Amino acid sequence: MTIDSCPECNGKLSSEAEACPHCGFKTEKAKSKETTWKDVGMIAIVMAGFVGILGLVVWFFTHLSGKL
């Protein structure tokens, strides 16, 4: 652990800190942990696609299995 200077207020800041205790400036460590709305949107799109494909498979087997 090292002591650095905050780029925002020049206060003392631990290398392990996620935010400056003086001004609240978020460090790169904290920013890398944040989940963005873009990430949440991509997860929702993938899940919707999976549910759609699963629905098509179920429909296919329930409607066409008797005709084979």
Protein backbone atom coordinates (compact mmCIF):
# COMPACT_ATOMS: atom_id res chain seq x y z
CA MET A 1 0.00 0.00 0.00
CA THR A 2 1.35 3.38 -0.96
CA ILE A 3 0.22 6.91 -0.24
CA ASP A 4 -0.50 9.01 -3.32
CA SER A 5 -1.90 12.46 -3.93
CA CYS A 6 -5.48 12.90 -5.06
CA PRO A 7 -5.56 14.35 -8.60
CA GLU A 8 -8.56 16.48 -7.66
CA CYS A 9 -7.66 18.05 -4.29
CA ASN A 10 -4.00 16.95 -3.75
CA GLY A 11 -4.97 15.34 -0.43
CA LYS A 12 -3.31 12.16 0.80
CA LEU A 13 -4.86 9.07 -0.73
CA SER A 14 -4.13 5.38 -0.17
CA SER A 15 -3.48 3.25 -3.24
CA GLU A 16 -6.13 0.84 -1.90
CA ALA A 17 -8.83 3.52 -1.57
CA GLU A 18 -11.75 3.62 -3.97
CA ALA A 19 -12.42 7.30 -3.33
CA CYS A 20 -10.60 10.26 -1.82
CA PRO A 21 -11.62 10.73 1.83
CA HIS A 22 -11.32 14.50 1.44
CA CYS A 23 -13.22 15.32 -1.75
CA GLY A 24 -14.83 12.00 -2.81
CA PHE A 25 -12.97 11.76 -6.14
CA LYS A 26 -13.36 8.18 -7.45
CA THR A 27 -10.14 6.36 -8.26
CA GLU A 28 -9.58 4.03 -11.21
CA LYS A 29 -10.09 1.10 -8.83
CA ALA A 30 -13.64 2.28 -8.07
CA LYS A 31 -14.40 3.13 -11.69
CA SER A 32 -13.40 -0.37 -12.84
CA LYS A 33 -15.93 -1.92 -10.42
CA GLU A 34 -18.90 0.17 -11.55
CA THR A 35 -21.60 -1.54 -13.56
CA THR A 36 -22.79 0.79 -16.26
CA TRP A 37 -26.23 0.92 -17.80
CA LYS A 38 -24.59 -0.22 -21.04
CA ASP A 39 -23.55 -3.46 -19.32
CA VAL A 40 -27.04 -3.97 -17.92
CA GLY A 41 -28.58 -3.30 -21.34
CA MET A 42 -26.35 -5.87 -23.04
CA ILE A 43 -27.28 -8.49 -20.43
CA ALA A 44 -30.98 -7.73 -20.99
CA ILE A 45 -30.61 -8.07 -24.77
CA VAL A 46 -28.83 -11.41 -24.47
CA MET A 47 -31.46 -12.71 -22.04
CA ALA A 48 -34.31 -11.55 -24.28
CA GLY A 49 -32.70 -13.29 -27.25
CA PHE A 50 -32.29 -16.48 -25.26
CA VAL A 51 -35.93 -16.40 -24.13
CA GLY A 52 -37.05 -15.76 -27.71
CA ILE A 53 -35.07 -18.68 -29.08
CA LEU A 54 -36.30 -20.92 -26.28
CA GLY A 55 -39.86 -19.89 -27.11
CA LEU A 56 -39.37 -20.79 -30.77
CA VAL A 57 -37.96 -24.20 -29.85
CA VAL A 58 -40.90 -24.92 -27.54
CA TRP A 59 -43.37 -23.76 -30.18
CA PHE A 60 -41.68 -25.90 -32.82
CA PHE A 61 -41.81 -29.06 -30.74
CA THR A 62 -45.38 -28.54 -29.51
CA HIS A 63 -46.87 -27.67 -32.91
CA LEU A 64 -44.82 -29.75 -35.31
CA SER A 65 -43.93 -32.85 -33.29
CA GLY A 66 -47.25 -34.51 -34.08
CA LYS A 67 -46.76 -34.07 -37.84
CA LEU A 68 -43.41 -35.85 -38.01
